[in-house]
């Protein structure tokens, strides 16, 4: 299995430092072969910065276990929309980084500064993994409105950029009856009709879904029948993940996928694509 979403570091006062050895031990427990290591650079998300070079150095110490991403805040280097990010992305690629993320700067996702960064991600052929938020202020992650119209505009404008969506405001859009107040939550209950996310995954080949954390797991498990259909339908567009980031963290998506496989709830082809082959094709 390849986990598209993992971290090291310290996220708050209550949680102790989560270092590479603790992450590796947890991966061994969960039988995860490799994990994408995501640095954290934006002040909205965490107290301590984990730099791209630190992530790359960890991956060099464990090349058979980690795939490093780099990260950039779109406001960096004078907070303008015309920064040339090409040179630094090439440097990070030279260090072994295979993508950009987790992007957490709390601007609208179509802010000119984000658009500039997404353009350079496409130019560098590095997928951009983002934590979608429901608003600007009081949260972290690039923000969009109900129905993700800003994201759709980006998918059209930057067809060479691979966008990998994550978090509540992204995964709640699996439901066609989604209400604004449920966007930052883990909505419960049956999905009566496919949501905007289904439409965007069908329409745009450059959009993928990161199934990590409670948001991705909730989306595919709240309605098991719909979840089974969704996994089969988009088996080429989905990426298994955990969002491991602290000691003692549960990862219910791991046994869930094991049950899907053992009980033949989804096809073996879908299981293998989602848990390994799609990530291998994009970033490994």
Protein backbone atom coordinates (compact mmCIF):
# COMPACT_ATOMS: atom_id res chain seq x y z
CA UNK A 1 0.00 0.00 0.00
CA UNK A 2 1.11 3.56 -0.73
CA UNK A 3 -0.25 6.23 1.61
CA UNK A 4 -0.67 9.52 -0.24
CA UNK A 5 -0.80 11.63 2.94
CA UNK A 6 1.44 11.52 6.04
CA UNK A 7 3.27 14.03 8.22
CA UNK A 8 5.94 14.36 10.87
CA UNK A 9 6.14 17.17 13.42
CA UNK A 10 4.22 18.64 16.33
CA UNK A 11 0.77 20.09 15.71
CA UNK A 12 -0.42 21.38 19.09
CA UNK A 13 0.33 21.62 22.80
CA UNK A 14 -1.37 18.35 23.72
CA UNK A 15 0.31 16.12 21.16
CA UNK A 16 3.93 15.14 21.48
CA UNK A 17 6.40 15.29 18.63
CA UNK A 18 5.67 12.72 15.92
CA UNK A 19 9.01 11.84 14.36
CA UNK A 20 10.03 9.67 11.45
CA UNK A 21 10.66 6.60 13.61
CA UNK A 22 7.19 6.81 15.14
CA UNK A 23 5.66 7.23 11.69
CA UNK A 24 7.60 4.23 10.39
CA UNK A 25 6.49 2.11 13.35
CA UNK A 26 2.86 3.05 12.73
CA UNK A 27 3.22 2.28 9.03
CA UNK A 28 4.59 -1.15 9.94
CA UNK A 29 1.63 -1.79 12.25
CA UNK A 30 -0.79 -0.85 9.46
CA UNK A 31 1.16 -2.74 6.76
CA UNK A 32 1.71 0.42 4.72
CA UNK A 33 4.71 -0.04 2.44
CA UNK A 34 5.39 3.57 1.50
CA UNK A 35 4.02 6.98 2.41
CA UNK A 36 4.09 10.41 0.80
CA UNK A 37 5.68 12.76 3.32
CA UNK A 38 4.05 16.19 3.24
CA UNK A 39 5.93 19.20 4.68
CA UNK A 40 4.04 22.06 6.34
CA UNK A 41 5.04 25.65 5.68
CA UNK A 42 1.97 27.90 6.06
CA UNK A 43 1.34 29.57 9.44
CA UNK A 44 -2.41 28.82 9.44
CA UNK A 45 -1.95 25.10 9.79
CA UNK A 46 0.72 24.27 12.39
CA UNK A 47 2.89 25.90 15.02
CA UNK A 48 6.14 24.44 13.72
CA UNK A 49 7.28 24.49 10.11
CA UNK A 50 8.44 21.25 8.51
CA UNK A 51 10.42 22.35 5.48
CA UNK A 52 10.68 20.71 2.09
CA UNK A 53 14.36 20.06 2.66
CA UNK A 54 13.61 18.32 5.95
CA UNK A 55 11.06 16.08 4.27
CA UNK A 56 13.53 15.29 1.49
CA UNK A 57 16.26 14.49 4.02
CA UNK A 58 13.98 12.07 5.88
CA UNK A 59 13.12 10.38 2.61
CA UNK A 60 16.80 10.02 1.73
CA UNK A 61 17.32 8.19 5.03
CA UNK A 62 14.46 5.82 4.19
CA UNK A 63 14.22 5.76 0.39
CA UNK A 64 12.23 2.53 0.34
CA UNK A 65 9.56 3.92 2.69
CA UNK A 66 9.00 7.63 1.96
CA UNK A 67 8.15 9.69 -1.12
CA UNK A 68 8.80 13.37 -0.34
CA UNK A 69 6.69 16.28 -1.50
CA UNK A 70 7.86 19.87 -1.33
CA UNK A 71 5.68 22.75 -0.23
CA UNK A 72 5.39 26.45 -1.00
CA UNK A 73 3.16 29.15 0.40
CA UNK A 74 1.77 31.14 -2.54
CA UNK A 75 2.42 34.33 -0.54
CA UNK A 76 6.13 33.65 -0.21
CA UNK A 77 8.77 35.96 -1.69
CA UNK A 78 7.03 39.34 -1.39
CA UNK A 79 3.42 38.08 -1.51
CA UNK A 80 2.81 38.79 -5.20
CA UNK A 81 1.08 36.93 -8.00
CA UNK A 82 4.02 36.95 -10.39
CA UNK A 83 6.67 35.03 -8.46
CA UNK A 84 8.76 32.66 -10.53
CA UNK A 85 8.51 29.41 -8.60
CA UNK A 86 10.14 27.38 -11.39
CA UNK A 87 13.67 27.47 -10.05
CA UNK A 88 12.79 26.41 -6.52
CA UNK A 89 10.51 23.60 -7.74
CA UNK A 90 13.36 22.33 -9.91
CA UNK A 91 15.68 22.42 -6.89
CA UNK A 92 13.16 20.45 -4.85
CA UNK A 93 12.73 17.96 -7.69
CA UNK A 94 16.48 17.50 -7.62
CA UNK A 95 16.18 16.59 -3.95
CA UNK A 96 13.68 13.87 -4.84
CA UNK A 97 10.37 15.68 -4.28
CA UNK A 98 7.56 14.34 -6.46
CA UNK A 99 4.72 16.79 -5.80
CA UNK A 100 3.64 19.92 -3.93
CA UNK A 101 1.58 19.94 -0.74
CA UNK A 102 -0.20 19.80 1.55
CA UNK A 103 -1.23 23.32 0.50
CA UNK A 104 -2.89 25.02 3.47
CA UNK A 105 -2.62 28.80 2.94
CA UNK A 106 -6.06 30.22 3.75
CA UNK A 107 -6.78 32.26 0.64
CA UNK A 108 -9.49 31.62 -1.91
CA UNK A 109 -8.26 28.80 -4.09
CA UNK A 110 -8.51 31.02 -7.19
CA UNK A 111 -6.60 33.89 -5.60
CA UNK A 112 -4.07 35.14 -8.19
CA UNK A 113 -1.23 34.02 -5.91
CA UNK A 114 -2.59 30.46 -5.81
CA UNK A 115 -3.21 30.51 -9.55
CA UNK A 116 0.41 31.44 -10.10
CA UNK A 117 1.56 28.54 -7.91
CA UNK A 118 -0.75 26.06 -9.65
CA UNK A 119 0.57 27.21 -13.02
CA UNK A 120 4.13 26.49 -11.91
CA UNK A 121 3.11 23.10 -10.48
CA UNK A 122 1.81 22.14 -13.91
CA UNK A 123 4.89 23.49 -15.62
CA UNK A 124 7.09 21.41 -13.30
CA UNK A 125 4.82 18.35 -13.71
CA UNK A 126 4.34 18.13 -9.94
CA UNK A 127 0.83 17.31 -8.62
CA UNK A 128 -0.63 19.81 -6.14
CA UNK A 129 -2.32 18.34 -3.05
CA UNK A 130 -4.58 20.84 -1.26
CA UNK A 131 -6.67 20.97 1.93
CA UNK A 132 -9.93 22.57 0.80
CA UNK A 133 -11.61 24.93 3.28
CA UNK A 134 -15.13 26.34 3.34
CA UNK A 135 -14.18 29.95 4.10
CA UNK A 136 -11.36 32.44 4.55
CA UNK A 137 -10.60 33.15 8.21
CA UNK A 138 -10.62 30.93 11.26
CA UNK A 139 -9.56 27.82 9.35
CA UNK A 140 -6.69 26.62 7.21
CA UNK A 141 -6.56 25.60 3.58
CA UNK A 142 -7.47 27.24 0.25
CA UNK A 143 -11.18 28.12 0.28
CA UNK A 144 -14.02 27.56 -2.15
CA UNK A 145 -17.78 28.07 -2.20
CA UNK A 146 -20.57 25.50 -2.15
CA UNK A 147 -20.35 23.46 -5.36
CA UNK A 148 -16.61 24.18 -5.78
CA UNK A 149 -16.99 26.69 -8.66
CA UNK A 150 -13.55 28.18 -8.06
CA UNK A 151 -11.89 24.77 -8.25
CA UNK A 152 -13.70 23.98 -11.47
CA UNK A 153 -12.43 27.20 -13.03
CA UNK A 154 -8.87 26.21 -12.08
CA UNK A 155 -9.29 22.72 -13.54
CA UNK A 156 -10.24 24.37 -16.82
CA UNK A 157 -7.55 27.03 -16.75
CA UNK A 158 -4.68 24.72 -15.79
CA UNK A 159 -5.26 21.41 -17.59
CA UNK A 160 -1.58 20.48 -17.23
CA UNK A 161 -1.76 20.69 -13.42
CA UNK A 162 -2.85 17.62 -11.46
CA UNK A 163 -5.02 18.68 -8.51
CA UNK A 164 -5.40 16.27 -5.56
CA UNK A 165 -8.29 17.28 -3.29
CA UNK A 166 -8.52 16.61 0.45
CA UNK A 167 -10.48 17.62 3.59
CA UNK A 168 -14.08 18.23 4.61
CA UNK A 169 -15.08 20.96 2.15
CA UNK A 170 -13.87 18.72 -0.68
CA UNK A 171 -15.28 15.35 0.40
CA UNK A 172 -18.63 16.64 1.65
CA UNK A 173 -19.35 17.52 -2.00
CA UNK A 174 -19.86 13.82 -2.72
CA UNK A 175 -23.49 14.44 -1.66
CA UNK A 176 -25.87 16.20 -4.06
CA UNK A 177 -28.01 17.40 -1.13
CA UNK A 178 -25.12 19.07 0.68
CA UNK A 179 -26.00 22.14 2.76
CA UNK A 180 -23.62 25.00 3.47
CA UNK A 181 -23.52 24.30 7.20
CA UNK A 182 -22.32 20.73 6.59
CA UNK A 183 -19.35 21.65 4.42
CA UNK A 184 -16.82 21.86 7.31
CA UNK A 185 -18.20 18.68 8.95
CA UNK A 186 -18.43 14.94 8.44
CA UNK A 187 -22.01 14.64 7.13
CA UNK A 188 -23.88 11.45 8.03
CA UNK A 189 -26.56 9.39 6.32
CA UNK A 190 -27.37 8.00 2.92
CA UNK A 191 -26.39 9.81 -0.24
CA UNK A 192 -29.59 10.15 -2.26
CA UNK A 193 -27.97 11.68 -5.34
CA UNK A 194 -24.38 12.18 -6.50
CA UNK A 195 -22.84 15.50 -5.64
CA UNK A 196 -20.70 18.06 -7.37
CA UNK A 197 -17.54 16.08 -6.69
CA UNK A 198 -18.83 13.22 -8.83
CA UNK A 199 -19.42 15.64 -11.69
CA UNK A 200 -15.96 17.18 -11.45
CA UNK A 201 -14.18 13.81 -11.24
CA UNK A 202 -16.01 12.70 -14.38
CA UNK A 203 -15.42 15.88 -16.32
CA UNK A 204 -11.79 16.75 -15.53
CA UNK A 205 -8.96 14.27 -16.01
CA UNK A 206 -6.63 16.43 -13.88
CA UNK A 207 -8.67 16.05 -10.65
CA UNK A 208 -7.94 13.29 -8.11
CA UNK A 209 -9.23 12.55 -4.62
CA UNK A 210 -7.08 11.96 -1.52
CA UNK A 211 -9.11 9.60 0.72
CA UNK A 212 -7.13 10.33 3.89
CA UNK A 213 -8.35 11.55 7.29
CA UNK A 214 -11.88 11.48 8.64
CA UNK A 215 -13.18 13.39 5.63
CA UNK A 216 -12.22 10.87 2.96
CA UNK A 217 -13.12 7.88 5.12
CA UNK A 218 -16.50 9.39 6.00
CA UNK A 219 -17.27 10.06 2.34
CA UNK A 220 -16.90 6.40 1.32
CA UNK A 221 -18.27 4.77 4.50
CA UNK A 222 -21.32 6.88 5.50
CA UNK A 223 -23.38 5.10 2.83
CA UNK A 224 -21.63 1.76 2.11
CA UNK A 225 -23.60 1.05 -1.07
CA UNK A 226 -22.86 4.45 -2.55
CA UNK A 227 -19.27 4.19 -1.34
CA UNK A 228 -18.81 0.88 -3.13
CA UNK A 229 -20.18 2.38 -6.35
CA UNK A 230 -17.99 5.46 -5.98
CA UNK A 231 -14.80 3.45 -5.46
CA UNK A 232 -15.51 1.33 -8.53
CA UNK A 233 -16.60 4.26 -10.69
CA UNK A 234 -13.53 6.36 -9.89
CA UNK A 235 -10.96 3.66 -9.30
CA UNK A 236 -8.53 5.52 -11.59
CA UNK A 237 -8.94 8.86 -9.77
CA UNK A 238 -8.73 7.95 -6.05
CA UNK A 239 -5.72 7.68 -3.74
CA UNK A 240 -5.59 5.78 -0.45
CA UNK A 241 -4.31 7.80 2.51
CA UNK A 242 -4.31 8.09 6.30
CA UNK A 243 -3.14 11.61 7.29
CA UNK A 244 -1.02 10.09 10.05
CA UNK A 245 0.39 12.99 12.04
CA UNK A 246 0.41 12.22 15.77
CA UNK A 247 1.06 9.46 18.29
CA UNK A 248 -1.85 7.12 18.98
CA UNK A 249 -3.82 8.18 15.93
CA UNK A 250 -6.42 5.78 14.61
CA UNK A 251 -6.58 5.00 10.91
CA UNK A 252 -9.97 3.33 10.29
CA UNK A 253 -9.57 3.49 6.53
CA UNK A 254 -6.92 0.74 6.70
CA UNK A 255 -9.12 -2.07 8.12
CA UNK A 256 -12.00 -0.74 6.02
CA UNK A 257 -10.08 -1.33 2.81
CA UNK A 258 -8.90 -4.70 4.06
CA UNK A 259 -12.53 -5.70 4.59
CA UNK A 260 -13.47 -4.42 1.15
CA UNK A 261 -10.78 -6.65 -0.32
CA UNK A 262 -11.44 -9.75 1.78
CA UNK A 263 -15.21 -9.63 1.28
CA UNK A 264 -14.82 -8.79 -2.42
CA UNK A 265 -16.97 -5.69 -1.98
CA UNK A 266 -14.94 -3.95 -4.66
CA UNK A 267 -12.98 -5.53 -7.48
CA UNK A 268 -9.37 -6.49 -6.95
CA UNK A 269 -8.45 -4.12 -9.79
CA UNK A 270 -10.11 -1.17 -8.02
CA UNK A 271 -8.45 -2.08 -4.72
CA UNK A 272 -4.98 -2.28 -6.25
CA UNK A 273 -5.36 0.96 -8.19
CA UNK A 274 -6.61 2.96 -5.22
CA UNK A 275 -4.17 1.56 -2.65
CA UNK A 276 -1.05 1.56 -4.82
CA UNK A 277 -1.08 1.84 -8.59
CA UNK A 278 -2.61 5.33 -8.94
CA UNK A 279 -0.06 6.76 -6.51
CA UNK A 280 2.72 4.89 -8.27
CA UNK A 281 1.62 6.38 -11.58
CA UNK A 282 1.38 9.94 -10.24
CA UNK A 283 4.23 10.33 -7.78
CA UNK A 284 6.28 7.18 -7.13
